Amino acid sequence: MAGKNGLEGKDSGLFVREATGLVREWSIFDAFVYAFFSVNLITLGLYIFSFAPYIPDGHLVTAIIVSTIFIVFLVIVYAMLISILPRAGGDYVLQTRILGGALSYVLPFTGWVFILWLWVPLYGNMLSWNVFTPLFTLLAGMTGNQGLLGVAFWFNGVHGLFVSALLVCVLASIVISLGMKGYARVQKFCFYLGMAGLLTVFILLLANDNATFVERFNAFSAGIGAGGNVYTDIIASSSEAGYDPIAWNNLALLASLPLIPMVVFFNLWPNWGATLYGEVRGASEFRRNFLGMFLGLVVTAVLAVILLALIARTIGWDFYLASNFAFYEGFSGFPVFPFPGLLAAMLTDNPILQLWVIVSLSGWFFGWMGTVFLSSTRVLFAASFDRMLPEWVSNLNPKTRSPYNALMLMTIPAIAVSFLFYYVPGFDVLTLNATVVIAICFLGTAVAAIVLPYRKPDLYNASPVARYKVLGLPAITICGIILAGFLLFNIVLWFMDPVYGVHDPYSAVFMLVLYSLAFVIYFTYLSRNKKLGIDVKKTFDEIPVE
């Protein structure tokens, strides 16, 4: 095993077996696609963009560009750290090997295990809002069958959302159980399908003008029973409610900064695959790691700006913002979430093309769906391999090399959490700080990057990353400081301003309970290993053999 000196040594008995058994089956392109779907324009992006009216002076394009620039430093930090420690486990391995101690276990465990259970209802909402609801609404408009519109409404209700969350658990588990090679095939198919769908949306928006959209939107609304001049009514009713949308040409730099803590809900995750780099070929090369995550981030940002520009041109910027505001405030004349894919599909009378838009855009959801569990299974696997969880958690399927027990530990509790979320009043409020906890986990890794050259000089100096300097200082330290500052900026605003939807004392207490539970697990296995004669500090000083 690789110890402090970076050399391979004999099995010390610190781990459950001599090698992880994981296989490097992913290419850098596979890692790029995973990062691209993690920073997901159609699911997370369009969802969080819809809340922009609640920061009326901020401009989405400005917030996307500025946040992307800062998140590039996150990409640099993780790409460097992965090239030094290219093992399954991501933040868990990076923090335990560099920082050590209880906190280096607790932050990743809470952020990647407990919190991802809480994210399943969000994925369920996205399945409903991005796939089922627009699909059945479109079918209702095409056929005039109000029963189909009732199905769309059902998927927006408690039972429909819970069913969607269950489908996420089942489908994600099936895809992940295929192993990394099988998962790569699925996400590639979804990538090409989703990109074809987005290109179709671009073409539809380019080939039509605002007057055409207004006419077709009103006609479609009438076809599903909304009636009237719904387009104008939505803008007027929002104005009467006091909402004044920011003009498209007003990029407002300073006024847009408060919008960043909202936007990062969608683009903070290009490093989501960091836990998987023990299974990516060439992961010890910084430039390859950087390129995969960087392109996942920047390509998505470019596509987001293009899509918003086309929405402003054809759908109308005032209408786009006002329709989302009216939907959340409950006075919209349009009965379902104004999903831009559905709005774009209205620009053609061809029923096959209309269905193609919704079905092809669903590739963005189904390609993203597995991220809810896949990364987390590797954190569980790594902790188990360190003997800091039951050893059976690190068992692998001999054919697919998938940690099936770790997957079970994600799926079963997530189903229970989804039931509580939808059927127990008030439980949903407890989950509001879920994003904050993941950002705090990333902050722990930023600190690890800052101190690495000084805390683990042998490990750092033995790596090719050591040659990158800024004014004579380690580049990884400088980038880590910038990343930490950016994360703290968002964390402070999340806690200070209730507009972000995470400012809730009950949720904060619930997150502290989860942290406490992670501490209990850590000290339980610390004590157990001590009785077995295993020094966890020595375990954290070693790097597992693949």
Protein backbone atom coordinates (compact mmCIF):
# COMPACT_ATOMS: atom_id res chain seq x y z
CA MET A 1 0.00 0.00 0.00
CA ALA A 2 1.08 3.55 -0.61
CA GLY A 3 2.02 5.22 2.63
CA LYS A 4 3.39 8.63 3.53
CA ASN A 5 6.33 8.17 1.24
CA GLY A 6 4.05 7.41 -1.71
CA LEU A 7 5.55 3.93 -2.19
CA GLU A 8 3.71 0.64 -2.47
CA GLY A 9 4.10 -1.67 0.49
CA LYS A 10 2.72 -4.99 1.72
CA ASP A 11 -0.74 -5.41 3.15
CA SER A 12 -0.79 -4.00 6.66
CA GLY A 13 -4.13 -5.54 7.61
CA LEU A 14 -5.60 -2.05 7.84
CA PHE A 15 -8.06 -2.71 5.01
CA VAL A 16 -10.64 -5.42 4.45
CA ARG A 17 -8.54 -6.96 1.64
CA GLU A 18 -5.31 -6.32 -0.20
CA ALA A 19 -6.90 -4.46 -3.12
CA THR A 20 -10.18 -2.65 -3.71
CA GLY A 21 -11.18 -4.86 -6.62
CA LEU A 22 -12.52 -1.87 -8.53
CA VAL A 23 -11.60 -1.64 -12.21
CA ARG A 24 -10.83 1.47 -14.27
CA GLU A 25 -13.59 1.02 -16.84
CA TRP A 26 -14.39 4.68 -17.57
CA SER A 27 -12.68 6.94 -20.08
CA ILE A 28 -12.26 10.67 -19.52
CA PHE A 29 -15.17 11.16 -21.94
CA ASP A 30 -17.35 9.06 -19.62
CA ALA A 31 -16.23 11.26 -16.73
CA PHE A 32 -17.08 14.36 -18.79
CA VAL A 33 -20.59 13.09 -19.54
CA TYR A 34 -21.11 12.36 -15.83
CA ALA A 35 -19.95 15.88 -14.91
CA PHE A 36 -22.11 17.32 -17.70
CA PHE A 37 -25.21 15.57 -16.37
CA SER A 38 -24.35 16.47 -12.77
CA VAL A 39 -24.38 20.15 -13.79
CA ASN A 40 -27.68 19.56 -15.47
CA LEU A 41 -29.19 22.39 -17.50
CA ILE A 42 -32.62 20.84 -18.12
CA THR A 43 -33.30 19.34 -14.69
CA LEU A 44 -31.52 21.41 -12.03
CA GLY A 45 -30.95 24.44 -14.25
CA LEU A 46 -34.48 25.11 -15.45
CA TYR A 47 -35.80 24.26 -11.99
CA ILE A 48 -33.66 26.79 -10.13
CA PHE A 49 -33.96 29.41 -12.91
CA SER A 50 -37.68 29.40 -12.23
CA PHE A 51 -37.01 30.91 -8.78
CA ALA A 52 -35.07 33.89 -10.19
CA PRO A 53 -38.12 36.21 -9.87
CA TYR A 54 -37.63 36.13 -6.10
CA ILE A 55 -34.40 38.09 -6.59
CA PRO A 56 -35.93 40.54 -9.08
CA ASP A 57 -32.87 42.79 -9.50
CA GLY A 58 -30.55 39.93 -10.43
CA HIS A 59 -29.94 38.66 -13.96
CA LEU A 60 -29.60 34.93 -14.54
CA VAL A 61 -27.00 35.26 -17.29
CA THR A 62 -24.71 37.38 -15.09
CA ALA A 63 -25.09 35.00 -12.15
CA ILE A 64 -24.34 31.99 -14.37
CA ILE A 65 -21.19 33.56 -15.86
CA VAL A 66 -19.77 34.84 -12.56
CA SER A 67 -20.50 31.62 -10.66
CA THR A 68 -19.00 29.53 -13.46
CA ILE A 69 -15.75 31.51 -13.27
CA PHE A 70 -15.43 30.80 -9.55
CA ILE A 71 -16.46 27.15 -9.89
CA VAL A 72 -13.55 26.67 -12.30
CA PHE A 73 -11.38 26.88 -9.16
CA LEU A 74 -13.38 24.00 -7.69
CA VAL A 75 -12.57 22.04 -10.85
CA ILE A 76 -8.86 22.86 -10.54
CA VAL A 77 -8.75 21.85 -6.87
CA TYR A 78 -10.51 18.54 -7.38
CA ALA A 79 -8.58 17.73 -10.56
CA MET A 80 -5.30 18.27 -8.71
CA LEU A 81 -6.32 16.31 -5.63
CA ILE A 82 -7.65 13.41 -7.71
CA SER A 83 -4.40 13.22 -9.68
CA ILE A 84 -2.56 12.87 -6.35
CA LEU A 85 -5.06 10.44 -4.80
CA PRO A 86 -6.91 8.76 -7.69
CA ARG A 87 -9.01 6.41 -5.59
CA ALA A 88 -12.70 5.66 -5.16
CA GLY A 89 -14.26 7.74 -2.39
CA GLY A 90 -13.64 11.32 -3.48
CA ASP A 91 -14.06 13.76 -0.59
CA TYR A 92 -13.86 10.92 1.93
CA VAL A 93 -10.45 9.75 0.73
CA LEU A 94 -9.14 13.27 0.12
CA GLN A 95 -10.08 14.56 3.56
CA THR A 96 -9.16 11.49 5.61
CA ARG A 97 -5.76 11.13 3.90
CA ILE A 98 -4.85 14.82 4.13
CA LEU A 99 -6.62 16.10 7.23
CA GLY A 100 -7.37 12.95 9.23
CA GLY A 101 -9.52 12.88 12.34
CA ALA A 102 -13.23 12.65 13.00
CA LEU A 103 -14.30 15.68 10.97
CA SER A 104 -12.69 14.30 7.80
CA TYR A 105 -15.00 11.29 8.15
CA VAL A 106 -18.12 13.13 9.27
CA LEU A 107 -18.27 15.82 6.58
CA PRO A 108 -18.14 13.46 3.57
CA PHE A 109 -20.30 10.80 5.21
CA THR A 110 -23.05 13.27 6.04
CA GLY A 111 -22.79 15.10 2.73
CA TRP A 112 -22.66 12.04 0.49
CA VAL A 113 -24.79 9.49 2.35
CA PHE A 114 -27.41 11.07 4.61
CA ILE A 115 -27.98 14.07 2.37
CA LEU A 116 -28.37 12.06 -0.84
CA TRP A 117 -31.22 10.16 0.83
CA LEU A 118 -32.87 13.57 1.22
CA TRP A 119 -32.25 14.47 -2.43
CA VAL A 120 -34.37 11.61 -3.78
CA PRO A 121 -37.66 13.58 -3.42
CA LEU A 122 -36.04 16.36 -5.44
CA TYR A 123 -35.19 13.88 -8.19
CA GLY A 124 -38.77 12.65 -7.99
CA ASN A 125 -40.05 16.19 -8.44
CA MET A 126 -37.82 16.59 -11.51
CA LEU A 127 -39.16 13.34 -13.01
CA SER A 128 -42.68 14.68 -12.56
CA TRP A 129 -42.06 18.26 -13.70
CA ASN A 130 -39.68 17.53 -16.59
CA VAL A 131 -41.11 14.29 -17.96
CA PHE A 132 -44.55 13.15 -16.79
CA THR A 133 -46.32 16.51 -16.37
CA PRO A 134 -45.26 18.05 -19.72
CA LEU A 135 -45.84 14.75 -21.51
CA PHE A 136 -49.43 14.32 -20.32
CA THR A 137 -50.16 18.04 -20.66
CA LEU A 138 -48.96 17.89 -24.24
CA LEU A 139 -51.06 14.80 -24.94
CA ALA A 140 -54.08 16.55 -23.44
CA GLY A 141 -53.53 19.54 -25.71
CA MET A 142 -53.07 17.33 -28.77
CA THR A 143 -56.17 15.20 -28.17
CA GLY A 144 -58.44 17.51 -26.18
CA ASN A 145 -58.77 14.73 -23.59
CA GLN A 146 -59.09 16.40 -20.20
CA GLY A 147 -58.49 13.06 -18.51
CA LEU A 148 -54.89 13.21 -19.66
CA LEU A 149 -54.59 16.64 -18.08
CA GLY A 150 -55.88 15.04 -14.90
CA VAL A 151 -52.98 12.57 -15.09
CA ALA A 152 -50.58 15.51 -15.37
CA PHE A 153 -52.16 17.05 -12.28
CA TRP A 154 -51.92 13.71 -10.45
CA PHE A 155 -48.17 13.61 -11.00
CA ASN A 156 -48.00 17.04 -9.38
CA GLY A 157 -49.87 15.77 -6.31
CA VAL A 158 -48.51 13.94 -3.29
CA HIS A 159 -49.18 10.44 -4.57
CA GLY A 160 -47.78 11.14 -8.02
CA LEU A 161 -44.64 12.74 -6.63
CA PHE A 162 -44.08 9.80 -4.27
CA VAL A 163 -44.49 7.36 -7.16
CA SER A 164 -41.96 9.41 -9.13
CA ALA A 165 -39.50 9.22 -6.22
CA LEU A 166 -39.98 5.44 -6.03
CA LEU A 167 -39.32 5.17 -9.76
CA VAL A 168 -36.11 7.14 -9.28
CA CYS A 169 -34.95 4.67 -6.62
CA VAL A 170 -35.81 1.63 -8.71
CA LEU A 171 -34.48 2.87 -12.04
CA ALA A 172 -31.31 4.39 -10.56
CA SER A 173 -30.57 1.15 -8.71
CA ILE A 174 -31.02 -0.90 -11.87
CA VAL A 175 -28.70 1.31 -13.91
CA ILE A 176 -26.02 1.45 -11.20
CA SER A 177 -26.14 -2.31 -10.70
CA LEU A 178 -25.00 -2.69 -14.33
CA GLY A 179 -21.54 -1.60 -13.23
CA MET A 180 -19.46 1.28 -14.52
CA LYS A 181 -19.25 -0.09 -18.07
CA GLY A 182 -23.00 -0.62 -18.29
CA TYR A 183 -23.73 2.74 -16.67
CA ALA A 184 -21.45 4.45 -19.19
CA ARG A 185 -23.48 3.01 -22.07
CA VAL A 186 -26.74 4.24 -20.58
CA GLN A 187 -25.48 7.75 -19.91
CA LYS A 188 -23.94 8.04 -23.38
CA PHE A 189 -27.27 7.12 -24.97
CA CYS A 190 -29.05 9.66 -22.77
CA PHE A 191 -26.38 12.26 -23.57
CA TYR A 192 -26.87 12.01 -27.32
CA LEU A 193 -30.66 11.81 -26.95
CA GLY A 194 -30.78 14.82 -24.63
CA MET A 195 -28.46 16.91 -26.81
CA ALA A 196 -30.58 16.11 -29.87
CA GLY A 197 -33.63 17.27 -27.93
CA LEU A 198 -31.96 20.51 -26.87
CA LEU A 199 -30.86 21.17 -30.45
CA THR A 200 -34.47 20.67 -31.53
CA VAL A 201 -35.58 23.24 -28.96
CA PHE A 202 -32.95 25.68 -30.23
CA ILE A 203 -34.16 25.24 -33.80
CA LEU A 204 -37.81 25.71 -32.86
CA LEU A 205 -37.02 28.87 -30.94
CA LEU A 206 -34.87 30.22 -33.77
CA ALA A 207 -37.38 29.40 -36.49
CA ASN A 208 -40.23 31.29 -34.79
CA ASP A 209 -40.82 34.75 -33.35
CA ASN A 210 -42.55 36.04 -30.25
CA ALA A 211 -45.82 36.80 -32.03
CA THR A 212 -46.02 33.21 -33.22
CA PHE A 213 -45.34 31.91 -29.72
CA VAL A 214 -48.01 34.13 -28.16
CA GLU A 215 -50.56 32.88 -30.66
CA ARG A 216 -49.66 29.21 -30.22
CA PHE A 217 -49.40 29.43 -26.44
CA ASN A 218 -52.84 30.98 -26.14
CA ALA A 219 -54.28 28.39 -28.54
CA PHE A 220 -52.70 25.55 -26.59
CA SER A 221 -53.94 26.99 -23.29
CA ALA A 222 -57.46 27.17 -24.70
CA GLY A 223 -57.16 23.56 -25.82
CA ILE A 224 -56.56 22.41 -22.24
CA GLY A 225 -59.33 24.57 -20.82
CA ALA A 226 -57.36 27.62 -19.71
CA GLY A 227 -58.90 29.96 -22.29
CA GLY A 228 -58.50 33.70 -22.78
CA ASN A 229 -55.38 35.65 -23.59
CA VAL A 230 -53.33 33.71 -21.06
CA TYR A 231 -49.96 35.08 -22.20
CA THR A 232 -50.90 38.72 -21.54
CA ASP A 233 -52.91 37.84 -18.44
CA ILE A 234 -49.91 36.18 -16.77
CA ILE A 235 -47.70 39.23 -17.31
CA ALA A 236 -50.45 41.58 -16.15
CA SER A 237 -51.35 39.59 -13.04
CA SER A 238 -47.70 39.34 -12.03
CA SER A 239 -47.32 43.09 -12.43
CA GLU A 240 -50.41 43.66 -10.30
CA ALA A 241 -48.84 41.42 -7.64
CA GLY A 242 -45.86 43.76 -7.56
CA TYR A 243 -43.40 41.79 -9.69
CA ASP A 244 -41.31 43.87 -12.09
CA PRO A 245 -39.00 41.58 -14.14
CA ILE A 246 -35.47 42.76 -14.81
CA ALA A 247 -34.92 43.70 -18.44
CA TRP A 248 -33.04 41.22 -20.62
CA ASN A 249 -30.40 43.81 -21.56
CA ASN A 250 -29.75 44.82 -17.93
CA LEU A 251 -26.96 42.46 -16.86
CA ALA A 252 -26.56 44.27 -13.48
CA LEU A 253 -23.34 42.81 -12.09
CA LEU A 254 -23.58 43.82 -8.43
CA ALA A 255 -27.33 43.28 -8.23
CA SER A 256 -26.88 39.78 -9.65
CA LEU A 257 -24.43 38.60 -6.99
CA PRO A 258 -27.24 37.63 -4.56
CA LEU A 259 -28.60 35.39 -7.32
CA ILE A 260 -25.43 33.26 -7.28
CA PRO A 261 -26.36 31.24 -4.15
CA MET A 262 -29.48 30.24 -6.07
CA VAL A 263 -27.74 29.46 -9.36
CA VAL A 264 -25.10 27.24 -7.73
CA PHE A 265 -27.89 24.81 -6.91
CA PHE A 266 -27.44 23.80 -10.55
CA ASN A 267 -23.77 24.38 -11.44
CA LEU A 268 -21.80 23.63 -8.26
CA TRP A 269 -21.51 19.94 -9.10
CA PRO A 270 -18.92 19.32 -11.88
CA ASN A 271 -16.91 17.41 -9.25
CA TRP A 272 -19.84 15.06 -8.53
CA GLY A 273 -17.87 12.24 -10.14
CA ALA A 274 -14.81 12.80 -7.92
CA THR A 275 -15.80 9.77 -5.86
CA LEU A 276 -15.57 7.61 -9.01
CA TYR A 277 -12.06 8.42 -10.20
CA GLY A 278 -10.71 5.17 -8.84
CA GLU A 279 -12.54 3.71 -11.83
CA VAL A 280 -11.49 6.26 -14.49
CA ARG A 281 -8.54 5.58 -16.80
CA GLY A 282 -5.85 8.25 -16.67
CA ALA A 283 -7.10 9.69 -13.36
CA SER A 284 -3.54 10.35 -12.21
CA GLU A 285 -3.16 12.99 -14.96
CA PHE A 286 -4.24 16.44 -13.81
CA ARG A 287 -4.97 17.82 -17.26
CA ARG A 288 -7.27 14.94 -18.18
CA ASN A 289 -9.19 15.27 -14.92
CA PHE A 290 -9.43 19.02 -15.37
CA LEU A 291 -10.66 18.76 -18.94
CA GLY A 292 -13.47 16.33 -18.09
CA MET A 293 -14.90 18.47 -15.29
CA PHE A 294 -14.12 21.82 -16.92
CA LEU A 295 -15.96 20.95 -20.12
CA GLY A 296 -18.89 19.57 -18.14
CA LEU A 297 -19.14 22.94 -16.37
CA VAL A 298 -18.37 25.38 -19.18
CA VAL A 299 -20.29 23.65 -21.99
CA THR A 300 -23.35 23.63 -19.73
CA ALA A 301 -22.90 27.33 -18.92
CA VAL A 302 -22.66 28.20 -22.61
CA LEU A 303 -25.76 26.15 -23.42
CA ALA A 304 -27.62 27.81 -20.54
CA VAL A 305 -26.84 31.31 -21.83
CA ILE A 306 -27.86 30.34 -25.37
CA LEU A 307 -31.12 28.80 -24.16
CA LEU A 308 -31.99 31.84 -22.03
CA ALA A 309 -31.20 34.16 -24.95
CA LEU A 310 -33.51 32.17 -27.23
CA ILE A 311 -36.21 32.12 -24.56
CA ALA A 312 -35.93 35.92 -24.30
CA ARG A 313 -36.11 36.25 -28.09
CA THR A 314 -39.03 33.95 -28.83
CA ILE A 315 -40.95 33.17 -25.65
CA GLY A 316 -40.33 36.57 -24.14
CA TRP A 317 -38.13 37.40 -21.12
CA ASP A 318 -40.88 39.17 -19.20
CA PHE A 319 -43.26 36.29 -19.79
CA TYR A 320 -40.71 33.62 -18.84
CA LEU A 321 -39.98 35.25 -15.50
CA ALA A 322 -43.59 36.26 -14.85
CA SER A 323 -44.95 32.79 -15.68
CA ASN A 324 -42.68 31.20 -13.10
CA PHE A 325 -43.56 33.84 -10.51
CA ALA A 326 -47.28 33.37 -11.17
CA PHE A 327 -46.94 29.59 -10.96
CA TYR A 328 -45.31 29.67 -7.53
CA GLU A 329 -47.63 32.39 -6.26
CA GLY A 330 -50.65 30.36 -7.33
CA PHE A 331 -52.38 32.74 -9.73
CA SER A 332 -51.05 31.53 -13.09
CA GLY A 333 -53.61 31.03 -15.84
CA PHE A 334 -51.51 28.13 -17.11
CA PRO A 335 -52.29 25.07 -15.00
CA VAL A 336 -48.85 23.37 -14.84
CA PHE A 337 -45.19 24.28 -14.40
CA PRO A 338 -44.12 26.34 -17.45
CA PHE A 339 -41.39 23.89 -18.48
CA PRO A 340 -39.52 25.51 -21.41
CA GLY A 341 -39.45 22.18 -23.26
CA LEU A 342 -43.24 22.12 -23.23
CA LEU A 343 -43.38 25.78 -24.30
CA ALA A 344 -41.01 25.08 -27.20
CA ALA A 345 -43.09 22.08 -28.30
CA MET A 346 -46.06 24.41 -28.76
CA LEU A 347 -44.21 26.09 -31.64
CA THR A 348 -45.00 23.23 -34.01
CA ASP A 349 -48.27 21.62 -35.07
CA ASN A 350 -46.55 18.34 -35.87
CA PRO A 351 -47.60 15.90 -33.10
CA ILE A 352 -44.61 13.63 -33.73
CA LEU A 353 -42.19 16.53 -33.38
CA GLN A 354 -44.01 17.72 -30.27
CA LEU A 355 -43.65 14.33 -28.62
CA TRP A 356 -40.04 14.12 -29.78
CA VAL A 357 -39.22 17.32 -27.90
CA ILE A 358 -40.49 16.01 -24.56
CA VAL A 359 -39.18 12.45 -24.98
CA SER A 360 -35.73 13.53 -26.17
CA LEU A 361 -35.39 16.10 -23.39
CA SER A 362 -36.16 13.32 -20.92
CA GLY A 363 -32.69 12.02 -21.75
CA TRP A 364 -31.36 14.81 -19.52
CA PHE A 365 -33.30 13.39 -16.59
CA PHE A 366 -32.58 9.71 -17.18
CA GLY A 367 -28.89 10.40 -17.80
CA TRP A 368 -28.77 12.37 -14.54
CA MET A 369 -30.92 10.02 -12.47
CA GLY A 370 -28.14 7.63 -11.41
CA THR A 371 -26.10 10.44 -9.86
CA VAL A 372 -28.41 10.31 -6.86
CA PHE A 373 -26.77 7.05 -5.66
CA LEU A 374 -23.72 6.22 -7.80
CA SER A 375 -21.24 8.67 -6.25
CA SER A 376 -22.48 7.92 -2.75
CA THR A 377 -21.92 4.17 -3.11
CA ARG A 378 -18.20 4.83 -3.57
CA VAL A 379 -18.03 6.86 -0.35
CA LEU A 380 -19.69 3.97 1.50
CA PHE A 381 -17.35 1.52 -0.24
CA ALA A 382 -14.24 3.52 0.70
CA ALA A 383 -15.29 3.85 4.35
CA SER A 384 -16.02 0.14 4.54
CA PHE A 385 -12.70 -0.69 2.89
CA ASP A 386 -11.05 1.32 5.67
CA ARG A 387 -12.96 -0.84 8.21
CA MET A 388 -14.94 2.25 9.22
CA LEU A 389 -18.24 0.60 8.26
CA PRO A 390 -19.29 -3.08 8.20
CA GLU A 391 -17.01 -5.03 5.89
CA TRP A 392 -19.92 -6.39 3.85
CA VAL A 393 -20.59 -2.87 2.56
CA SER A 394 -17.46 -3.15 0.38
CA ASN A 395 -18.54 -6.43 -1.25
CA LEU A 396 -18.51 -6.29 -5.04
CA ASN A 397 -20.56 -8.10 -7.64
CA PRO A 398 -17.91 -10.33 -9.26
CA LYS A 399 -19.27 -9.66 -12.75
CA THR A 400 -20.07 -5.94 -12.76
CA ARG A 401 -17.70 -4.86 -9.93
CA SER A 402 -20.58 -2.87 -8.47
CA PRO A 403 -20.78 -2.51 -4.64
CA TYR A 404 -24.27 -3.92 -4.37
CA ASN A 405 -24.56 -3.69 -0.58
CA ALA A 406 -23.53 -0.04 -0.65
CA LEU A 407 -26.22 0.54 -3.27
CA MET A 408 -28.77 -1.13 -1.00
CA LEU A 409 -27.74 1.21 1.84
CA MET A 410 -28.60 4.15 -0.40
CA THR A 411 -31.82 2.81 -1.93
CA ILE A 412 -33.76 1.47 1.05
CA PRO A 413 -33.37 4.49 3.38
CA ALA A 414 -34.08 6.82 0.42
CA ILE A 415 -37.47 5.14 -0.07
CA ALA A 416 -38.27 5.62 3.60
CA VAL A 417 -37.17 9.26 3.48
CA SER A 418 -39.33 9.86 0.40
CA PHE A 419 -42.37 8.49 2.23
CA LEU A 420 -41.69 10.82 5.18
CA PHE A 421 -41.12 13.75 2.83
CA TYR A 422 -44.47 13.43 1.07
CA TYR A 423 -46.73 12.02 3.77
CA VAL A 424 -45.48 13.39 7.11
CA PRO A 425 -46.36 17.09 7.49
CA GLY A 426 -43.32 19.24 8.22
CA PHE A 427 -40.69 16.68 7.30
CA ASP A 428 -40.00 18.41 3.98
CA VAL A 429 -38.98 21.53 5.91
CA LEU A 430 -36.30 19.55 7.73
CA THR A 431 -34.55 18.86 4.43
CA LEU A 432 -34.11 22.48 3.36
CA ASN A 433 -30.44 22.71 4.37
CA ALA A 434 -29.44 19.66 2.34
CA THR A 435 -27.52 21.67 -0.27
CA VAL A 436 -25.68 23.60 2.44
CA VAL A 437 -24.32 20.37 3.93
CA ILE A 438 -22.85 19.29 0.59
CA ALA A 439 -21.23 22.72 0.18
CA ILE A 440 -19.73 22.37 3.68
CA CYS A 441 -18.34 18.98 2.63
CA PHE A 442 -16.71 20.66 -0.38
CA LEU A 443 -15.35 23.31 1.98
CA GLY A 444 -13.61 20.56 3.93
CA THR A 445 -11.91 19.41 0.74
CA ALA A 446 -10.94 23.01 -0.08
CA VAL A 447 -9.21 23.19 3.31
CA ALA A 448 -7.45 19.91 2.53
CA ALA A 449 -6.17 21.41 -0.72
CA ILE A 450 -4.95 24.54 1.07
CA VAL A 451 -2.89 22.65 3.66
CA LEU A 452 -1.78 19.67 1.54
CA PRO A 453 1.69 21.03 0.60
CA TYR A 454 2.43 21.75 4.26
CA ARG A 455 0.64 18.91 6.02
CA LYS A 456 1.67 16.13 3.60
CA PRO A 457 4.78 17.52 1.86
CA ASP A 458 6.10 14.11 0.76
CA LEU A 459 2.82 13.18 -0.88
CA TYR A 460 2.54 16.60 -2.51
CA ASN A 461 6.14 16.88 -3.71
CA ALA A 462 6.00 13.40 -5.24
CA SER A 463 3.11 14.48 -7.47
CA PRO A 464 3.28 16.34 -10.82
CA VAL A 465 0.91 18.94 -9.34
CA ALA A 466 3.80 20.30 -7.27
CA ARG A 467 5.25 22.07 -10.32
CA TYR A 468 2.24 24.41 -10.58
CA LYS A 469 3.00 27.65 -8.72
CA VAL A 470 1.40 31.09 -8.39
CA LEU A 471 3.83 33.81 -7.27
CA GLY A 472 6.00 31.07 -5.85
CA LEU A 473 3.17 29.55 -3.81
CA PRO A 474 1.54 26.18 -4.50
CA ALA A 475 -1.26 26.66 -7.04
CA ILE A 476 -3.38 24.11 -5.20
CA THR A 477 -3.21 26.27 -2.07
CA ILE A 478 -4.15 29.47 -3.91
CA CYS A 479 -7.03 27.80 -5.75
CA GLY A 480 -8.17 26.19 -2.51
CA ILE A 481 -8.32 29.59 -0.82
CA ILE A 482 -10.40 31.06 -3.66
CA LEU A 483 -12.71 28.05 -3.60
CA ALA A 484 -13.12 28.26 0.17
CA GLY A 485 -13.96 31.96 -0.10
CA PHE A 486 -16.57 31.29 -2.77
CA LEU A 487 -18.18 28.50 -0.76
CA LEU A 488 -18.24 30.64 2.39
CA PHE A 489 -19.86 33.48 0.42
CA ASN A 490 -22.71 31.17 -0.55
CA ILE A 491 -23.01 29.51 2.86
CA VAL A 492 -23.24 32.87 4.64
CA LEU A 493 -25.93 34.16 2.28
CA TRP A 494 -27.89 30.89 2.55
CA PHE A 495 -28.01 31.28 6.31
CA MET A 496 -28.66 35.02 6.32
CA ASP A 497 -31.45 35.37 3.76
CA PRO A 498 -34.64 33.25 3.77
CA VAL A 499 -35.16 33.91 0.04
CA TYR A 500 -32.95 30.90 -0.78
CA GLY A 501 -35.31 28.50 0.92
CA VAL A 502 -32.71 27.01 3.27
CA HIS A 503 -33.07 29.48 6.13
CA ASP A 504 -34.96 27.35 8.66
CA PRO A 505 -33.97 26.64 12.29
CA TYR A 506 -35.68 23.24 12.37
CA SER A 507 -33.77 22.15 9.28
CA ALA A 508 -30.50 23.38 10.82
CA VAL A 509 -31.19 21.31 13.95
CA PHE A 510 -32.01 18.28 11.80
CA MET A 511 -28.69 18.65 9.95
CA LEU A 512 -26.89 18.83 13.30
CA VAL A 513 -28.61 15.57 14.24
CA LEU A 514 -27.28 13.98 11.04
CA TYR A 515 -23.76 15.25 11.77
CA SER A 516 -24.06 13.84 15.30
CA LEU A 517 -25.12 10.47 13.93
CA ALA A 518 -22.08 10.46 11.65
CA PHE A 519 -19.86 11.21 14.66
CA VAL A 520 -21.45 8.26 16.50
CA ILE A 521 -20.68 5.96 13.56
CA TYR A 522 -17.09 7.22 13.41
CA PHE A 523 -16.35 6.76 17.11
CA THR A 524 -18.11 3.40 17.14
CA TYR A 525 -15.77 2.04 14.48
CA LEU A 526 -12.80 3.86 15.95
CA SER A 527 -13.41 1.97 19.22
CA ARG A 528 -14.08 -1.31 17.39
CA ASN A 529 -10.85 -1.06 15.40
CA LYS A 530 -8.88 -0.17 18.50
CA LYS A 531 -10.09 -3.39 20.16
CA LEU A 532 -8.96 -5.28 17.04
CA GLY A 533 -5.53 -3.68 17.27
CA ILE A 534 -6.07 -1.42 14.24
CA ASP A 535 -4.91 2.18 14.47
CA VAL A 536 -7.29 4.28 12.36
CA LYS A 537 -4.69 7.04 12.17
CA LYS A 538 -2.41 4.61 10.36
CA THR A 539 -5.29 3.60 8.11
CA PHE A 540 -5.79 7.22 7.12
CA ASP A 541 -2.07 7.50 6.39
CA GLU A 542 -2.29 4.73 3.81
CA ILE A 543 -3.68 4.72 0.26
CA PRO A 544 -5.54 1.53 -0.71
CA VAL A 545 -4.24 -0.54 -3.60
CA GLU A 546 -6.70 -0.79 -6.49
